[in-house]
Amino acid sequence: MTEVLGRRHTRRDSILRWTGGVLVVAGAAVVAHFAGRRPESQAAPVVTGSDSAGTAGRQAVMLSSAEAHRIGVTYAPVTMDPVVREVRTVGQVSYDEETVSTIAPKLDGWVDSLFVNYTGQTVRRGDPLLTIYAPMAVAAEEELVLARHLRDRVRHGTADAQRGAEELLVGARRRLAYWDIPAAEIAQVESTGVVRKTLTLRSPVTGVVVQKAVVAGQRISAGDALYQIVDLRTVWIQGEVFERDLPAVRLGQRVHATFEALPGTVRTGRITFIDPTINPDTRTARVRVALANPGLELKPGMYATLTAAARESPNTLSVPRNAVLSTGERNIVFVKRPDGMLEPREVVLGMAGDDRIAVLRGLAMGDTVVSSATFLIDAESNLAEAMSGMGGMPGMDMAPPKPTTGRHH
């Protein structure tokens, strides 16, 4: 008898412990669901987990107008408005490398005198830079004078003699021309028959002297870089664009540039180069913008702010940026169905602008999406999914335990 009573007490205690555990878990779930909610007159959204299919652990929810107003929910239509995105970066003015000229004589000699004496001096095409005494050039001029006299002397000679004298004269002219001696100076030596001690080197371009490596009396060798001249009527701006912004820039794209040193001045140029590699330290790529520089107001070394506007195709669907909830693995929007349900839907995004973001897949023209307080709707949707799944949790099927087996007396 004592054994039977003990077995009954054991089974009763088991049932009480199971019931208490169920009540605790269910109570915790109910408290979590209703914690912080207002009285019934201000109830939160009604969950309808069984009426719509979930998306990534989310279910559709229902909101009344009063509930939507209370938590700040607004709606926006899906439109075909173009998405405009501005990419901004800081750049620095530099030389247009295509306009850089290096003055390097092609013969040995000594500098007799300088006409360009300092860095920063402006020169025009054809202006004299310096004079050089070059023994080889003097010898070539003497050959030119002799070849001219020979041609004049055989003017009435045989055809072969005339042809040979003419070839000598042409060769003497060519030799001096190959040393970059201007044609006018060669013609002057030939016509006057006067051999000059020095030759004058002239600027081949208009620009500003940015490097000077020569002084009067210096001995120079063929190939020595004496001057570097840059045409500053066009300049480059070198900037760095972050990796994430590279899809929004392209060659030939118009760019607006503003300058701290020129307040109120806006210049427009085009992107002429995008570095094909990424700097692994800064995760940026170098971008070059070419700008006209009338008046030479833009000076190498100046800082500039570059702004490039990228426009998505006008036929691309777009929604407000606040309508998209990014989880890190997928992008979700809540679509308002005709029955008022807010259905979570996964979308594929395109280019993001300042206010709107392109949607490549997942929405259709005419859809209405939640455009604010999206995270609150998402929390409610996740909670609906969690509550609907509690019935399948171990110990939450609400079925009482089976009686223990054994003999009854």
Protein backbone atom coordinates (compact mmCIF):
# COMPACT_ATOMS: atom_id res chain seq x y z
CA MET A 1 0.00 0.00 0.00
CA THR A 2 2.80 2.35 0.83
CA GLU A 3 4.45 1.57 -2.52
CA VAL A 4 1.27 2.42 -4.44
CA LEU A 5 0.80 5.72 -2.63
CA GLY A 6 4.41 6.68 -3.28
CA ARG A 7 4.04 5.97 -6.98
CA ARG A 8 0.91 8.13 -7.18
CA HIS A 9 2.67 11.00 -5.38
CA THR A 10 5.59 10.74 -7.81
CA ARG A 11 3.32 10.94 -10.86
CA ARG A 12 1.40 13.91 -9.40
CA ASP A 13 4.66 15.76 -8.69
CA SER A 14 5.79 15.11 -12.29
CA ILE A 15 2.58 16.57 -13.67
CA LEU A 16 2.83 19.63 -11.44
CA ARG A 17 6.44 20.27 -12.43
CA TRP A 18 5.62 19.95 -16.16
CA THR A 19 2.61 22.26 -15.84
CA GLY A 20 4.64 24.84 -13.97
CA GLY A 21 7.39 24.75 -16.61
CA VAL A 22 4.91 25.27 -19.43
CA LEU A 23 3.28 28.19 -17.63
CA VAL A 24 6.66 29.83 -17.02
CA VAL A 25 7.77 29.57 -20.67
CA ALA A 26 4.38 30.67 -22.02
CA GLY A 27 4.24 33.52 -19.54
CA ALA A 28 7.70 34.70 -20.56
CA ALA A 29 6.70 34.69 -24.23
CA VAL A 30 3.51 36.64 -23.52
CA VAL A 31 5.38 39.17 -21.37
CA ALA A 32 7.99 39.64 -24.07
CA HIS A 33 5.30 40.11 -26.68
CA PHE A 34 3.24 42.60 -24.74
CA ALA A 35 5.96 44.34 -22.70
CA GLY A 36 5.89 48.08 -23.04
CA ARG A 37 2.63 48.09 -24.99
CA ARG A 38 -0.05 50.63 -24.25
CA PRO A 39 -3.63 49.89 -23.12
CA GLU A 40 -5.92 48.02 -25.46
CA SER A 41 -7.24 51.26 -26.88
CA GLN A 42 -3.74 51.91 -28.24
CA ALA A 43 -2.91 48.32 -29.17
CA ALA A 44 0.02 47.53 -31.40
CA PRO A 45 -0.31 45.95 -34.87
CA VAL A 46 -2.33 42.80 -35.15
CA VAL A 47 -0.25 39.81 -36.19
CA THR A 48 -1.61 37.56 -38.91
CA GLY A 49 1.08 34.97 -39.17
CA SER A 50 -1.06 32.32 -40.83
CA ASP A 51 -2.40 34.47 -43.66
CA SER A 52 0.80 35.19 -45.64
CA ALA A 53 4.06 33.53 -46.41
CA GLY A 54 7.11 34.79 -44.49
CA THR A 55 10.40 36.11 -45.97
CA ALA A 56 13.63 35.17 -44.23
CA GLY A 57 11.90 34.49 -40.91
CA ARG A 58 9.42 37.38 -41.30
CA GLN A 59 5.64 37.35 -41.66
CA ALA A 60 3.14 39.90 -42.89
CA VAL A 61 1.53 42.21 -40.34
CA MET A 62 -1.58 44.38 -40.27
CA LEU A 63 -1.68 48.02 -39.22
CA SER A 64 -4.68 50.26 -38.72
CA SER A 65 -4.44 53.94 -39.67
CA ALA A 66 -4.23 54.93 -36.02
CA GLU A 67 -1.46 52.44 -35.34
CA ALA A 68 0.50 53.58 -38.39
CA HIS A 69 0.19 57.21 -37.30
CA ARG A 70 1.21 56.40 -33.73
CA ILE A 71 4.53 54.75 -34.67
CA GLY A 72 5.29 57.09 -37.58
CA VAL A 73 4.73 54.75 -40.53
CA THR A 74 4.47 56.39 -43.95
CA TYR A 75 4.11 54.93 -47.43
CA ALA A 76 5.59 55.72 -50.84
CA PRO A 77 4.88 54.39 -54.34
CA VAL A 78 7.45 52.58 -56.47
CA THR A 79 8.32 54.99 -59.31
CA MET A 80 10.46 55.25 -62.41
CA ASP A 81 12.27 58.39 -61.24
CA PRO A 82 15.98 58.46 -62.18
CA VAL A 83 18.38 57.81 -59.34
CA VAL A 84 21.04 60.52 -59.06
CA ARG A 85 24.09 59.93 -56.91
CA GLU A 86 26.87 62.41 -56.19
CA VAL A 87 30.41 61.21 -55.66
CA ARG A 88 32.64 63.70 -53.85
CA THR A 89 36.36 63.59 -53.32
CA VAL A 90 39.26 65.93 -52.62
CA GLY A 91 41.91 66.38 -55.31
CA GLN A 92 45.02 68.40 -56.03
CA VAL A 93 45.91 70.44 -59.09
CA SER A 94 48.92 69.14 -61.02
CA TYR A 95 50.59 69.62 -64.39
CA ASP A 96 49.06 68.24 -67.54
CA GLU A 97 51.82 65.77 -68.30
CA GLU A 98 50.96 65.86 -71.99
CA THR A 99 52.13 69.49 -72.16
CA VAL A 100 55.48 69.06 -70.37
CA SER A 101 58.54 69.79 -72.54
CA THR A 102 62.14 69.14 -71.56
CA ILE A 103 64.86 71.26 -73.15
CA ALA A 104 67.92 69.05 -73.69
CA PRO A 105 70.51 70.00 -76.37
CA LYS A 106 71.72 67.29 -78.74
CA LEU A 107 75.37 68.33 -78.77
CA ASP A 108 78.14 69.06 -76.30
CA GLY A 109 79.25 72.58 -75.49
CA TRP A 110 79.44 75.45 -73.04
CA VAL A 111 76.68 77.83 -72.00
CA ASP A 112 77.59 81.29 -73.19
CA SER A 113 74.59 83.27 -71.87
CA LEU A 114 71.11 82.72 -70.40
CA PHE A 115 67.89 84.49 -71.37
CA VAL A 116 65.69 82.50 -68.93
CA ASN A 117 67.25 82.86 -65.51
CA TYR A 118 64.75 81.57 -62.95
CA THR A 119 62.08 78.98 -62.28
CA GLY A 120 58.54 80.23 -62.79
CA GLN A 121 59.42 82.48 -65.72
CA THR A 122 56.86 82.51 -68.52
CA VAL A 123 58.10 81.89 -72.06
CA ARG A 124 56.43 81.80 -75.44
CA ARG A 125 57.07 79.51 -78.32
CA GLY A 126 60.22 80.67 -80.15
CA ASP A 127 61.60 82.76 -77.27
CA PRO A 128 65.40 82.37 -76.79
CA LEU A 129 66.44 80.32 -73.76
CA LEU A 130 70.25 80.34 -73.91
CA THR A 131 73.23 80.45 -76.27
CA ILE A 132 75.75 77.61 -76.53
CA TYR A 133 79.26 77.40 -77.88
CA ALA A 134 79.43 73.96 -79.52
CA PRO A 135 82.58 73.11 -81.55
CA MET A 136 80.67 70.49 -83.56
CA ALA A 137 78.02 73.03 -84.53
CA VAL A 138 80.72 75.52 -85.60
CA ALA A 139 82.33 72.84 -87.80
CA ALA A 140 78.93 72.02 -89.33
CA GLU A 141 78.32 75.68 -90.14
CA GLU A 142 81.69 75.89 -91.85
CA GLU A 143 80.78 72.84 -93.94
CA LEU A 144 77.51 74.55 -94.85
CA VAL A 145 79.31 77.67 -96.04
CA LEU A 146 81.80 75.61 -98.08
CA ALA A 147 79.01 73.53 -99.62
CA ARG A 148 77.22 76.72 -100.68
CA HIS A 149 80.38 78.12 -102.29
CA LEU A 150 80.97 74.81 -104.08
CA ARG A 151 77.48 74.74 -105.51
CA ASP A 152 77.87 78.30 -106.80
CA ARG A 153 81.24 77.44 -108.34
CA VAL A 154 79.97 74.41 -110.33
CA ARG A 155 76.81 76.09 -111.47
CA HIS A 156 78.06 75.90 -115.09
CA GLY A 157 79.84 72.56 -114.69
CA THR A 158 78.69 69.08 -115.55
CA ALA A 159 75.44 67.64 -114.32
CA ASP A 160 77.26 65.21 -112.05
CA ALA A 161 79.27 68.02 -110.45
CA GLN A 162 76.14 70.08 -109.86
CA ARG A 163 74.33 67.08 -108.36
CA GLY A 164 77.22 66.31 -106.00
CA ALA A 165 77.52 69.91 -104.80
CA GLU A 166 73.78 70.08 -104.17
CA GLU A 167 73.88 66.89 -102.12
CA LEU A 168 76.70 68.28 -99.98
CA LEU A 169 74.71 71.44 -99.35
CA VAL A 170 71.53 69.54 -98.42
CA GLY A 171 73.51 67.27 -96.07
CA ALA A 172 75.07 70.26 -94.28
CA ARG A 173 71.65 71.82 -93.75
CA ARG A 174 70.20 68.52 -92.49
CA ARG A 175 72.99 68.03 -89.95
CA LEU A 176 72.31 71.40 -88.34
CA ALA A 177 68.54 70.82 -88.40
CA TYR A 178 68.98 67.50 -86.58
CA TRP A 179 70.53 69.47 -83.70
CA ASP A 180 67.31 71.53 -83.43
CA ILE A 181 68.90 74.67 -84.87
CA PRO A 182 66.06 76.76 -86.28
CA ALA A 183 65.72 76.83 -90.06
CA ALA A 184 65.90 80.65 -90.08
CA GLU A 185 69.34 80.61 -88.43
CA ILE A 186 70.60 77.95 -90.84
CA ALA A 187 69.39 80.05 -93.76
CA GLN A 188 71.10 83.14 -92.34
CA VAL A 189 74.46 81.35 -92.05
CA GLU A 190 74.11 80.00 -95.58
CA SER A 191 73.16 83.33 -97.14
CA THR A 192 75.71 85.48 -95.33
CA GLY A 193 78.54 82.96 -95.24
CA VAL A 194 79.33 84.08 -91.67
CA VAL A 195 80.00 81.30 -89.18
CA ARG A 196 78.84 82.20 -85.69
CA LYS A 197 80.54 81.12 -82.52
CA THR A 198 77.34 80.36 -80.58
CA LEU A 199 73.96 78.83 -81.30
CA THR A 200 70.69 79.97 -79.75
CA LEU A 201 68.30 77.39 -78.27
CA ARG A 202 64.67 78.52 -78.35
CA SER A 203 61.55 77.34 -76.53
CA PRO A 204 59.47 74.89 -78.57
CA VAL A 205 56.31 75.64 -76.53
CA THR A 206 54.49 78.34 -74.62
CA GLY A 207 54.45 77.78 -70.90
CA VAL A 208 56.04 78.24 -67.51
CA VAL A 209 59.53 77.11 -66.54
CA VAL A 210 59.09 74.64 -63.67
CA GLN A 211 62.65 73.30 -63.59
CA LYS A 212 65.99 74.99 -64.37
CA ALA A 213 69.28 73.11 -64.15
CA VAL A 214 71.75 75.37 -65.96
CA VAL A 215 73.88 78.44 -65.26
CA ALA A 216 76.05 80.64 -67.46
CA GLY A 217 79.48 79.19 -68.23
CA GLN A 218 78.42 75.62 -67.46
CA ARG A 219 79.71 72.80 -69.58
CA ILE A 220 76.85 70.66 -70.88
CA SER A 221 76.65 67.32 -72.60
CA ALA A 222 74.22 66.09 -75.21
CA GLY A 223 71.01 65.00 -73.50
CA ASP A 224 71.37 67.08 -70.34
CA ALA A 225 67.94 68.35 -69.18
CA LEU A 226 68.46 72.12 -68.88
CA TYR A 227 64.84 73.31 -68.57
CA GLN A 228 61.38 71.83 -68.09
CA ILE A 229 58.52 73.91 -69.44
CA VAL A 230 54.82 73.22 -68.78
CA ASP A 231 51.83 74.68 -70.58
CA LEU A 232 49.44 75.57 -67.75
CA ARG A 233 46.56 76.51 -70.02
CA THR A 234 45.26 73.05 -69.16
CA VAL A 235 45.77 71.28 -65.81
CA TRP A 236 44.97 67.98 -64.20
CA ILE A 237 43.26 67.35 -60.87
CA GLN A 238 44.29 64.10 -59.24
CA GLY A 239 41.74 62.63 -56.82
CA GLU A 240 41.06 59.38 -54.98
CA VAL A 241 37.70 57.61 -55.26
CA PHE A 242 36.65 54.98 -52.75
CA GLU A 243 36.17 51.45 -53.99
CA ARG A 244 32.43 51.52 -53.25
CA ASP A 245 31.99 54.65 -55.42
CA LEU A 246 33.85 53.37 -58.49
CA PRO A 247 30.69 52.02 -60.23
CA ALA A 248 29.36 55.60 -60.25
CA VAL A 249 32.30 57.12 -62.20
CA ARG A 250 33.35 56.55 -65.80
CA LEU A 251 35.68 57.94 -68.45
CA GLY A 252 34.39 61.11 -70.06
CA GLN A 253 32.05 61.89 -67.16
CA ARG A 254 31.53 65.57 -66.39
CA VAL A 255 32.91 66.71 -63.04
CA HIS A 256 32.48 70.00 -61.19
CA ALA A 257 35.48 71.36 -59.31
CA THR A 258 35.53 74.02 -56.61
CA PHE A 259 38.63 75.50 -55.00
CA GLU A 260 39.34 76.79 -51.54
CA ALA A 261 41.60 79.49 -53.00
CA LEU A 262 38.90 80.64 -55.46
CA PRO A 263 35.64 80.92 -53.51
CA GLY A 264 32.57 80.97 -55.70
CA THR A 265 34.45 79.61 -58.71
CA VAL A 266 33.18 76.38 -60.26
CA ARG A 267 35.08 74.76 -63.12
CA THR A 268 33.84 71.88 -65.23
CA GLY A 269 36.06 69.14 -66.63
CA ARG A 270 35.91 65.51 -67.64
CA ILE A 271 37.40 62.33 -66.22
CA THR A 272 40.26 61.29 -68.50
CA PHE A 273 41.77 58.46 -66.46
CA ILE A 274 40.66 55.91 -63.84
CA ASP A 275 43.42 53.84 -62.30
CA PRO A 276 42.87 50.14 -63.12
CA THR A 277 44.21 49.12 -59.69
CA ILE A 278 43.05 49.71 -56.10
CA ASN A 279 45.36 50.97 -53.39
CA PRO A 280 45.23 48.12 -50.84
CA ASP A 281 45.90 50.49 -47.92
CA THR A 282 43.29 53.18 -48.64
CA ARG A 283 40.88 51.08 -50.77
CA THR A 284 40.77 53.90 -53.32
CA ALA A 285 41.55 54.30 -57.01
CA ARG A 286 43.23 57.35 -58.55
CA VAL A 287 41.05 59.45 -60.84
CA ARG A 288 42.26 62.24 -63.11
CA VAL A 289 40.18 65.20 -64.30
CA ALA A 290 41.33 67.53 -67.10
CA LEU A 291 40.40 71.22 -66.78
CA ALA A 292 40.91 74.28 -68.95
CA ASN A 293 42.82 76.99 -67.11
CA PRO A 294 42.23 80.35 -68.75
CA GLY A 295 44.11 83.13 -67.00
CA LEU A 296 46.28 80.53 -65.26
CA GLU A 297 44.25 80.96 -62.05
CA LEU A 298 44.61 77.28 -61.18
CA LYS A 299 48.07 76.62 -59.86
CA PRO A 300 49.71 73.23 -59.32
CA GLY A 301 49.43 72.25 -55.68
CA MET A 302 46.00 73.83 -55.09
CA TYR A 303 43.36 71.72 -53.36
CA ALA A 304 40.05 71.10 -55.11
CA THR A 305 36.74 69.41 -54.31
CA LEU A 306 35.45 67.22 -57.13
CA THR A 307 31.76 66.38 -57.53
CA ALA A 308 30.57 63.85 -60.09
CA ALA A 309 26.86 63.15 -60.57
CA ALA A 310 26.03 59.63 -61.74
CA ARG A 311 22.56 58.99 -63.14
CA GLU A 312 20.89 55.57 -63.29
CA SER A 313 18.75 54.69 -66.30
CA PRO A 314 15.44 56.62 -66.14
CA ASN A 315 13.61 53.31 -66.71
CA THR A 316 14.86 51.82 -63.43
CA LEU A 317 12.39 51.35 -60.58
CA SER A 318 13.31 53.15 -57.38
CA VAL A 319 12.11 53.56 -53.80
CA PRO A 320 13.12 55.88 -50.93
CA ARG A 321 16.34 54.76 -49.27
CA ASN A 322 14.57 54.48 -45.90
CA ALA A 323 12.22 51.89 -47.36
CA VAL A 324 15.00 49.29 -47.61
CA LEU A 325 16.05 47.25 -44.59
CA SER A 326 19.48 45.67 -45.09
CA THR A 327 20.25 42.67 -42.92
CA GLY A 328 23.74 42.07 -44.23
CA GLU A 329 22.62 38.99 -46.16
CA ARG A 330 19.57 40.33 -47.98
CA ASN A 331 17.56 43.51 -48.57
CA ILE A 332 13.92 43.63 -47.45
CA VAL A 333 11.05 46.04 -48.15
CA PHE A 334 7.50 45.88 -46.80
CA VAL A 335 4.87 46.07 -49.54
CA LYS A 336 1.35 47.23 -48.70
CA ARG A 337 -1.07 44.76 -50.25
CA PRO A 338 -4.62 45.68 -51.35
CA ASP A 339 -5.99 44.03 -48.20
CA GLY A 340 -3.81 46.29 -46.03
CA MET A 341 -1.31 43.62 -45.06
CA LEU A 342 2.36 44.69 -44.94
CA GLU A 343 4.19 41.88 -46.70
CA PRO A 344 7.99 41.52 -46.42
CA ARG A 345 9.64 41.07 -49.79
CA GLU A 346 13.28 40.50 -50.72
CA VAL A 347 14.66 42.84 -53.43
CA VAL A 348 17.82 43.20 -55.51
CA LEU A 349 19.20 46.75 -55.39
CA GLY A 350 21.00 48.87 -57.96
CA MET A 351 22.73 52.22 -57.54
CA ALA A 352 21.93 54.19 -54.38
CA GLY A 353 21.40 57.93 -54.60
CA ASP A 354 21.19 60.50 -51.85
CA ASP A 355 17.41 60.04 -51.43
CA ARG A 356 16.39 57.06 -53.55
CA ILE A 357 17.74 53.64 -54.43
CA ALA A 358 17.25 51.64 -57.62
CA VAL A 359 15.46 48.28 -57.40
CA LEU A 360 16.47 45.80 -60.08
CA ARG A 361 14.28 42.90 -58.99
CA GLY A 362 11.48 42.19 -56.50
CA LEU A 363 9.06 45.10 -57.06
CA ALA A 364 6.74 46.28 -59.80
CA MET A 365 5.51 49.66 -60.93
CA GLY A 366 2.52 50.68 -58.83
CA ASP A 367 3.57 48.85 -55.66
CA THR A 368 3.37 50.80 -52.39
CA VAL A 369 6.08 50.31 -49.79
CA VAL A 370 6.65 51.36 -46.19
CA SER A 371 9.00 54.35 -46.39
CA SER A 372 9.59 55.13 -42.70
CA ALA A 373 9.67 53.24 -39.39
CA THR A 374 10.60 50.16 -41.41
CA PHE A 375 12.63 48.72 -38.55
CA LEU A 376 9.54 48.76 -36.27
CA ILE A 377 7.53 46.85 -38.82
CA ASP A 378 10.40 44.43 -39.20
CA ALA A 379 10.52 43.85 -35.43
CA GLU A 380 6.79 43.11 -35.42
CA SER A 381 7.18 40.77 -38.39
CA ASN A 382 9.99 38.86 -36.69
CA LEU A 383 7.96 38.59 -33.49
CA ALA A 384 5.01 37.21 -35.46
CA GLU A 385 7.23 34.53 -36.91
CA ALA A 386 8.63 33.68 -33.47
CA MET A 387 5.18 33.41 -31.89
CA SER A 388 3.80 31.27 -34.70
CA GLY A 389 6.69 28.88 -34.27
CA MET A 390 6.37 28.40 -30.52
CA GLY A 391 3.88 25.56 -30.95
CA GLY A 392 6.57 23.43 -32.47
CA MET A 393 9.09 23.99 -29.69
CA PRO A 394 9.88 21.08 -27.33
CA GLY A 395 7.56 21.16 -24.37
CA MET A 396 5.21 23.75 -25.99
CA ASP A 397 2.64 21.36 -27.53
CA MET A 398 0.50 21.67 -24.36
CA ALA A 399 -0.10 17.91 -24.27
CA PRO A 400 -0.05 16.40 -20.75
CA PRO A 401 2.51 13.72 -20.06
CA LYS A 402 1.55 10.13 -20.43
CA PRO A 403 1.01 8.17 -17.18
CA THR A 404 3.91 6.14 -15.99
CA THR A 405 3.75 2.44 -16.69
CA GLY A 406 3.55 -0.03 -13.88
CA ARG A 407 1.17 -2.20 -11.93
CA HIS A 408 -1.69 -0.58 -10.07
CA HIS A 409 -3.03 -2.04 -6.89
